Amino acid sequence: MKDETQHLIDLALGGYESGMRNALLTNALAAYIAGDATAQKVLGRPIDLARARRDSSGFMTEYRTDLVDRGGSRVSITNEDGSTGMEFKPWLQDATEETRARVYDIIKEGIDRGASLGRKESATGTYPKGSIAADLQGYFSERASHASTVARTEAGRIATEGARRRYVDYGATKGRIVNGAEPCQICQEREGLIVDLTDPNVVIKPHPNCTCDVVPITEGMG
């Protein structure tokens, strides 16, 4: 039973992880091009989407390697001294392992207490309360919410990275952090912070779902 259950979980989550990777890669390309185009507009340049798409190839190669081969991406971190930076984290790989273990536990716990598998009720589209299927449905609803947060966070970070690279390409080496809608305390304290746009480890969005952005300081640009 254990080996069969584990095999079924592995198959299901293999498809789940693959689907999430593909969705993130597709979104990453669109987000990068959007960020690049926004930077061109901010700098008063004609928006050249062909150039943005062409220049996205280097970033997408890096991102695909991190996401597919290493199971994660670069995320913002805060060091013990309060400084910030970017660091690779295998969050996708870790999340898949965590999900696999939790799904197996839910099934095992249900079997141990004698719970039924559960048949979906046609009227409500839900499973009977207390059934194994209902417990799994609740857990995957939580995971779906988490995946949505991850997707928004990744898209925002990548769009900002596309803009950062374009600003540097056009000669802007410094930028100023600006708050987005309803900034948290951390972001309010960073409002107006001058950052080095040439530093690939510069942190512009310090937390998930952050709406902060950076505007280039164009004084002295040629």
Protein backbone atom coordinates (compact mmCIF):
# COMPACT_ATOMS: atom_id res chain seq x y z
CA MET A 1 0.00 0.00 0.00
CA LYS A 2 2.74 2.41 0.99
CA ASP A 3 4.80 1.85 -2.17
CA GLU A 4 1.72 2.06 -4.42
CA THR A 5 0.50 5.24 -2.75
CA GLN A 6 3.93 6.83 -2.96
CA HIS A 7 4.15 5.93 -6.66
CA LEU A 8 0.79 7.56 -7.39
CA ILE A 9 1.82 10.68 -5.46
CA ASP A 10 5.10 10.88 -7.36
CA LEU A 11 3.27 10.66 -10.69
CA ALA A 12 0.75 13.34 -9.73
CA LEU A 13 3.31 15.74 -8.33
CA GLY A 14 5.67 15.17 -11.23
CA GLY A 15 2.98 16.61 -13.49
CA TYR A 16 2.23 19.37 -10.99
CA GLU A 17 5.87 20.46 -10.81
CA SER A 18 6.33 20.26 -14.59
CA GLY A 19 3.21 22.34 -15.18
CA MET A 20 4.32 24.96 -12.69
CA ARG A 21 7.77 25.18 -14.28
CA ASN A 22 6.31 25.64 -17.75
CA ALA A 23 3.88 28.30 -16.54
CA LEU A 24 6.64 30.20 -14.76
CA LEU A 25 8.91 30.08 -17.80
CA THR A 26 6.16 31.40 -20.06
CA ASN A 27 5.30 34.17 -17.60
CA ALA A 28 8.98 34.97 -17.14
CA LEU A 29 9.49 35.77 -20.82
CA ALA A 30 6.40 38.01 -20.93
CA ALA A 31 7.36 39.74 -17.67
CA TYR A 32 10.92 40.41 -18.81
CA ILE A 33 9.82 41.90 -22.13
CA ALA A 34 7.19 44.03 -20.35
CA GLY A 35 9.80 45.35 -17.92
CA ASP A 36 12.24 46.08 -20.72
CA ALA A 37 9.57 47.93 -22.71
CA THR A 38 8.57 49.94 -19.64
CA ALA A 39 12.18 51.00 -19.16
CA GLN A 40 12.42 52.16 -22.75
CA LYS A 41 9.25 54.22 -22.25
CA VAL A 42 10.49 55.74 -18.96
CA LEU A 43 13.72 56.76 -20.67
CA GLY A 44 11.78 58.40 -23.50
CA ARG A 45 13.01 55.95 -26.12
CA PRO A 46 10.86 54.43 -28.86
CA ILE A 47 9.58 51.09 -27.59
CA ASP A 48 11.32 48.36 -29.54
CA LEU A 49 9.67 45.05 -28.62
CA ALA A 50 11.83 43.14 -31.07
CA ARG A 51 14.92 44.36 -29.26
CA ALA A 52 13.38 43.54 -25.88
CA ARG A 53 12.56 40.01 -27.03
CA ARG A 54 16.03 39.55 -28.53
CA ASP A 55 17.78 40.79 -25.41
CA SER A 56 15.64 38.59 -23.17
CA SER A 57 17.39 35.45 -24.43
CA GLY A 58 20.35 35.78 -22.07
CA PHE A 59 18.14 36.19 -19.04
CA MET A 60 15.84 33.35 -20.07
CA THR A 61 18.79 30.99 -20.45
CA GLU A 62 19.86 31.81 -16.89
CA TYR A 63 16.34 31.52 -15.54
CA ARG A 64 15.62 28.22 -17.29
CA THR A 65 18.84 26.72 -15.90
CA ASP A 66 17.93 27.80 -12.36
CA LEU A 67 14.29 26.71 -12.55
CA VAL A 68 14.61 23.46 -14.51
CA ASP A 69 18.05 22.17 -13.58
CA ARG A 70 18.33 23.53 -10.03
CA GLY A 71 14.68 23.70 -8.99
CA GLY A 72 14.50 27.33 -7.89
CA SER A 73 15.49 30.90 -8.64
CA ARG A 74 17.17 33.96 -7.15
CA VAL A 75 15.26 35.53 -4.29
CA SER A 76 15.88 38.53 -2.06
CA ILE A 77 17.47 37.88 1.34
CA THR A 78 18.21 40.00 4.40
CA ASN A 79 21.53 39.34 6.09
CA GLU A 80 22.18 39.45 9.82
CA ASP A 81 23.68 42.93 9.51
CA GLY A 82 20.48 44.20 7.87
CA SER A 83 21.95 44.39 4.36
CA THR A 84 20.04 42.85 1.47
CA GLY A 85 21.04 40.85 -1.56
CA MET A 86 19.95 38.18 -4.01
CA GLU A 87 20.64 34.49 -3.50
CA PHE A 88 19.65 31.28 -5.26
CA LYS A 89 17.11 29.20 -3.35
CA PRO A 90 15.80 25.75 -4.48
CA TRP A 91 12.24 26.74 -3.49
CA LEU A 92 10.50 24.76 -6.24
CA GLN A 93 12.37 21.57 -5.42
CA ASP A 94 11.79 22.07 -1.68
CA ALA A 95 8.09 22.85 -2.18
CA THR A 96 7.59 19.71 -4.25
CA GLU A 97 9.23 17.53 -1.61
CA GLU A 98 7.19 19.21 1.12
CA THR A 99 3.99 18.73 -0.86
CA ARG A 100 4.77 15.09 -1.61
CA ALA A 101 5.38 14.35 2.07
CA ARG A 102 2.24 16.19 3.20
CA VAL A 103 -0.01 14.51 0.62
CA TYR A 104 1.23 11.10 1.70
CA ASP A 105 0.61 12.01 5.37
CA ILE A 106 -2.94 13.18 4.61
CA ILE A 107 -3.73 9.90 2.87
CA LYS A 108 -2.12 7.82 5.61
CA GLU A 109 -3.88 9.76 8.39
CA GLY A 110 -7.21 9.29 6.62
CA ILE A 111 -6.71 5.55 6.20
CA ASP A 112 -5.61 5.18 9.84
CA ARG A 113 -8.78 6.84 11.13
CA GLY A 114 -10.97 4.87 8.74
CA ALA A 115 -12.03 7.84 6.61
CA SER A 116 -13.66 7.22 3.25
CA LEU A 117 -11.94 8.24 0.04
CA GLY A 118 -14.88 10.54 -0.73
CA ARG A 119 -17.01 11.07 -3.81
CA LYS A 120 -17.47 14.61 -5.16
CA GLU A 121 -20.95 15.97 -4.61
CA SER A 122 -22.38 17.07 -7.95
CA ALA A 123 -24.44 19.91 -6.47
CA THR A 124 -21.54 21.66 -4.68
CA GLY A 125 -18.45 20.31 -6.42
CA THR A 126 -16.97 19.48 -3.03
CA TYR A 127 -16.14 16.28 -1.15
CA PRO A 128 -17.82 15.06 2.07
CA LYS A 129 -16.31 16.65 5.16
CA GLY A 130 -13.83 14.34 6.85
CA SER A 131 -13.09 12.32 3.73
CA ILE A 132 -9.55 11.89 2.44
CA ALA A 133 -10.49 13.68 -0.79
CA ALA A 134 -11.83 16.68 1.18
CA ASP A 135 -8.62 16.92 3.19
CA LEU A 136 -6.57 16.76 -0.02
CA GLN A 137 -8.80 19.35 -1.70
CA GLY A 138 -8.25 21.74 1.20
CA TYR A 139 -4.51 21.23 1.13
CA PHE A 140 -4.24 21.76 -2.62
CA SER A 141 -6.35 24.91 -2.34
CA GLU A 142 -3.70 26.23 0.03
CA ARG A 143 -0.94 25.18 -2.39
CA ALA A 144 -2.76 26.87 -5.29
CA SER A 145 -2.89 30.11 -3.30
CA HIS A 146 0.81 29.78 -2.55
CA ALA A 147 1.58 29.07 -6.22
CA SER A 148 -0.34 32.21 -7.20
CA THR A 149 1.77 34.27 -4.79
CA VAL A 150 4.95 32.72 -6.18
CA ALA A 151 3.88 33.46 -9.76
CA ARG A 152 3.07 37.12 -8.98
CA THR A 153 6.29 37.57 -7.05
CA GLU A 154 8.43 35.99 -9.77
CA ALA A 155 6.74 38.00 -12.53
CA GLY A 156 7.24 41.25 -10.62
CA ARG A 157 10.87 40.51 -9.89
CA ILE A 158 11.59 39.52 -13.49
CA ALA A 159 9.88 42.60 -14.94
CA THR A 160 12.02 44.76 -12.65
CA GLU A 161 15.12 42.87 -13.72
CA GLY A 162 14.27 43.46 -17.39
CA ALA A 163 13.91 47.18 -16.66
CA ARG A 164 17.14 47.28 -14.64
CA ARG A 165 19.16 45.76 -17.44
CA ARG A 166 17.69 48.17 -20.00
CA TYR A 167 18.39 51.18 -17.79
CA VAL A 168 22.01 50.12 -17.50
CA ASP A 169 22.17 49.43 -21.24
CA TYR A 170 21.16 53.05 -21.88
CA GLY A 171 23.65 54.43 -19.35
CA ALA A 172 21.64 54.86 -16.14
CA THR A 173 23.81 53.51 -13.32
CA LYS A 174 21.76 54.71 -10.33
CA GLY A 175 18.08 54.40 -9.50
CA ARG A 176 15.65 55.50 -6.81
CA ILE A 177 13.25 53.13 -5.04
CA VAL A 178 9.60 54.21 -5.23
CA ASN A 179 6.75 52.62 -3.28
CA GLY A 180 3.82 50.89 -4.90
CA ALA A 181 0.26 50.74 -3.61
CA GLU A 182 -0.20 50.25 0.15
CA PRO A 183 3.49 49.77 1.01
CA CYS A 184 4.42 47.84 4.15
CA GLN A 185 6.65 49.30 6.86
CA ILE A 186 9.76 47.78 5.32
CA CYS A 187 9.02 49.35 1.94
CA GLN A 188 8.08 52.73 3.42
CA GLU A 189 11.50 52.88 5.04
CA ARG A 190 13.13 52.18 1.65
CA GLU A 191 11.22 54.90 -0.23
CA GLY A 192 13.71 57.13 -2.03
CA LEU A 193 16.66 54.80 -1.41
CA ILE A 194 19.37 55.23 -4.07
CA VAL A 195 20.56 51.91 -5.48
CA ASP A 196 23.29 50.81 -7.86
CA LEU A 197 21.60 49.57 -11.02
CA THR A 198 24.81 47.99 -12.27
CA ASP A 199 24.77 45.56 -9.32
CA PRO A 200 22.93 42.36 -10.36
CA ASN A 201 22.34 41.62 -6.66
CA VAL A 202 20.52 44.88 -5.96
CA VAL A 203 17.21 44.29 -4.16
CA ILE A 204 14.29 46.33 -5.47
CA LYS A 205 11.42 44.16 -4.27
CA PRO A 206 12.34 42.90 -0.77
CA HIS A 207 9.41 40.56 -0.11
CA PRO A 208 6.71 38.44 -1.84
CA ASN A 209 3.96 40.40 -3.63
CA CYS A 210 6.01 43.61 -3.31
CA THR A 211 4.80 46.41 -5.61
CA CYS A 212 7.82 48.69 -5.22
CA ASP A 213 9.74 49.75 -8.29
CA VAL A 214 12.84 51.67 -9.27
CA VAL A 215 13.13 54.76 -11.44
CA PRO A 216 16.42 55.64 -13.11
CA ILE A 217 18.37 58.74 -12.18
CA THR A 218 18.98 60.21 -15.59
CA GLU A 219 20.94 63.35 -14.69
CA GLY A 220 24.29 63.21 -16.44
CA MET A 221 23.25 60.53 -18.91
CA GLY A 222 24.39 61.05 -22.42
